[in-house]
């Protein structure tokens, strides 16, 4: 039983570590300075109105 627990803990640790590592790698690739902050002045606008939030 103890061997299964050790294997499970290693798998969970590996999964968590890989998720954190991959998130930090992808976050470094995102450069928001190149994305446009405004569209054209004559761009169409749509407004959505929600009356029920429950």
N, C-alpha and C. Protein backbone atom coordinates (compact mmCIF):
# COMPACT_ATOMS: atom_id res chain seq x y z
N UNK A 1 0.82 -1.20 0.00
CA UNK A 1 0.00 0.00 0.00
C UNK A 1 0.87 1.26 0.00
N UNK A 2 1.96 1.23 0.70
CA UNK A 2 2.84 2.39 0.79
C UNK A 2 3.48 2.69 -0.57
N UNK A 3 3.76 1.67 -1.35
CA UNK A 3 4.36 1.87 -2.66
C UNK A 3 3.40 2.61 -3.59
N UNK A 4 2.12 2.27 -3.53
CA UNK A 4 1.11 2.96 -4.34
C UNK A 4 1.01 4.43 -3.96
N UNK A 5 1.11 4.72 -2.67
CA UNK A 5 1.03 6.10 -2.21
C UNK A 5 2.21 6.91 -2.73
N UNK A 6 3.40 6.32 -2.71
CA UNK A 6 4.58 7.01 -3.22
C UNK A 6 4.45 7.29 -4.71
N UNK A 7 3.94 6.34 -5.45
CA UNK A 7 3.77 6.52 -6.89
C UNK A 7 2.74 7.61 -7.16
N UNK A 8 1.65 7.62 -6.42
CA UNK A 8 0.61 8.64 -6.60
C UNK A 8 1.15 10.03 -6.29
N UNK A 9 1.93 10.14 -5.21
CA UNK A 9 2.49 11.44 -4.84
C UNK A 9 3.46 11.93 -5.91
N UNK A 10 4.26 11.03 -6.46
CA UNK A 10 5.18 11.43 -7.53
C UNK A 10 4.43 11.87 -8.77
N UNK A 11 3.36 11.17 -9.11
CA UNK A 11 2.57 11.56 -10.28
C UNK A 11 1.92 12.92 -10.09
N UNK A 12 1.36 13.16 -8.92
CA UNK A 12 0.72 14.45 -8.65
C UNK A 12 1.76 15.57 -8.68
N UNK A 13 2.91 15.35 -8.07
CA UNK A 13 3.97 16.35 -8.07
C UNK A 13 4.44 16.65 -9.49
N UNK A 14 4.62 15.61 -10.28
CA UNK A 14 5.06 15.79 -11.67
C UNK A 14 4.02 16.56 -12.47
N UNK A 15 2.75 16.24 -12.29
CA UNK A 15 1.69 16.92 -13.01
C UNK A 15 1.63 18.40 -12.63
N UNK A 16 1.68 18.70 -11.35
CA UNK A 16 1.61 20.09 -10.89
C UNK A 16 2.83 20.86 -11.38
N UNK A 17 4.01 20.27 -11.27
CA UNK A 17 5.22 20.94 -11.72
C UNK A 17 5.18 21.21 -13.22
N UNK A 18 4.71 20.24 -14.00
CA UNK A 18 4.67 20.44 -15.45
C UNK A 18 3.65 21.51 -15.83
N UNK A 19 2.53 21.59 -15.13
CA UNK A 19 1.54 22.63 -15.41
C UNK A 19 2.09 24.02 -15.09
N UNK A 20 2.78 24.14 -13.97
CA UNK A 20 3.37 25.43 -13.60
C UNK A 20 4.45 25.82 -14.59
N UNK A 21 5.29 24.87 -14.97
CA UNK A 21 6.38 25.15 -15.90
C UNK A 21 5.83 25.55 -17.27
N UNK A 22 4.83 24.83 -17.76
CA UNK A 22 4.28 25.15 -19.08
C UNK A 22 3.56 26.50 -19.06
N UNK A 23 2.91 26.83 -17.97
CA UNK A 23 2.23 28.12 -17.88
C UNK A 23 3.25 29.26 -17.90
N UNK A 24 4.37 29.08 -17.23
CA UNK A 24 5.37 30.14 -17.22
C UNK A 24 6.05 30.28 -18.58
N UNK A 25 6.21 29.18 -19.31
CA UNK A 25 6.81 29.25 -20.64
C UNK A 25 5.88 29.96 -21.61
N UNK A 26 4.59 29.65 -21.57
CA UNK A 26 3.64 30.28 -22.48
C UNK A 26 3.43 31.75 -22.13
N UNK A 27 3.53 32.10 -20.86
CA UNK A 27 3.34 33.49 -20.46
C UNK A 27 4.47 34.36 -20.98
N UNK A 28 5.65 33.82 -21.14
CA UNK A 28 6.78 34.59 -21.63
C UNK A 28 6.66 34.87 -23.12
N UNK A 29 5.92 34.04 -23.84
CA UNK A 29 5.79 34.21 -25.28
C UNK A 29 4.77 35.27 -25.66
N UNK A 30 3.94 35.69 -24.73
CA UNK A 30 2.88 36.64 -25.00
C UNK A 30 3.43 38.06 -24.93
N UNK A 31 3.37 38.76 -26.05
CA UNK A 31 3.84 40.14 -26.09
C UNK A 31 2.66 41.05 -26.43
N UNK A 32 2.14 41.72 -25.42
CA UNK A 32 0.95 42.55 -25.62
C UNK A 32 1.27 43.91 -26.23
N UNK A 33 2.53 44.25 -26.34
CA UNK A 33 2.87 45.55 -26.92
C UNK A 33 2.61 45.57 -28.42
N UNK A 34 2.55 44.40 -29.04
CA UNK A 34 2.31 44.33 -30.48
C UNK A 34 0.83 44.27 -30.84
N UNK A 35 -0.02 43.99 -29.87
CA UNK A 35 -1.45 43.87 -30.18
C UNK A 35 -2.07 45.25 -30.31
N UNK A 36 -3.06 45.40 -31.19
CA UNK A 36 -3.68 46.72 -31.37
C UNK A 36 -4.52 47.10 -30.15
N UNK A 37 -4.49 48.36 -29.80
CA UNK A 37 -5.29 48.82 -28.67
C UNK A 37 -6.58 49.49 -29.14
N UNK A 38 -6.61 49.91 -30.40
CA UNK A 38 -7.82 50.54 -30.94
C UNK A 38 -8.08 49.99 -32.33
N UNK A 39 -9.32 49.91 -32.69
CA UNK A 39 -9.70 49.51 -34.04
C UNK A 39 -9.93 50.75 -34.89
N UNK A 40 -10.45 50.54 -36.07
CA UNK A 40 -10.74 51.69 -36.93
C UNK A 40 -11.86 52.55 -36.33
N UNK A 41 -11.82 53.85 -36.66
CA UNK A 41 -12.80 54.78 -36.10
C UNK A 41 -14.23 54.48 -36.55
N UNK A 42 -14.40 53.88 -37.74
CA UNK A 42 -15.74 53.62 -38.25
C UNK A 42 -16.15 52.14 -38.08
N UNK A 43 -15.57 51.46 -37.11
CA UNK A 43 -15.90 50.05 -36.86
C UNK A 43 -17.32 49.93 -36.31
N UNK A 44 -18.07 48.89 -36.71
CA UNK A 44 -19.42 48.71 -36.18
C UNK A 44 -19.39 48.29 -34.71
N UNK A 45 -20.41 48.70 -33.98
CA UNK A 45 -20.48 48.40 -32.55
C UNK A 45 -21.77 47.67 -32.27
N UNK A 46 -21.68 46.60 -31.48
CA UNK A 46 -22.88 45.88 -31.05
C UNK A 46 -22.96 45.96 -29.54
N UNK A 47 -24.17 46.21 -29.04
CA UNK A 47 -24.37 46.31 -27.61
C UNK A 47 -25.34 45.21 -27.19
N UNK A 48 -24.93 44.41 -26.22
CA UNK A 48 -25.80 43.36 -25.70
C UNK A 48 -26.37 43.77 -24.35
N UNK A 49 -27.67 43.59 -24.17
CA UNK A 49 -28.33 43.96 -22.92
C UNK A 49 -28.87 42.70 -22.29
N UNK A 50 -28.46 42.41 -21.05
CA UNK A 50 -28.93 41.24 -20.33
C UNK A 50 -29.85 41.71 -19.22
N UNK A 51 -31.03 41.14 -19.16
CA UNK A 51 -31.99 41.59 -18.15
C UNK A 51 -32.09 40.60 -16.98
N UNK A 52 -31.59 39.39 -17.14
CA UNK A 52 -31.70 38.40 -16.07
C UNK A 52 -30.33 37.81 -15.78
N UNK A 53 -29.86 38.00 -14.57
CA UNK A 53 -28.56 37.47 -14.18
C UNK A 53 -28.68 36.28 -13.25
N UNK A 54 -29.86 35.80 -13.02
CA UNK A 54 -30.06 34.74 -12.02
C UNK A 54 -30.31 33.48 -12.60
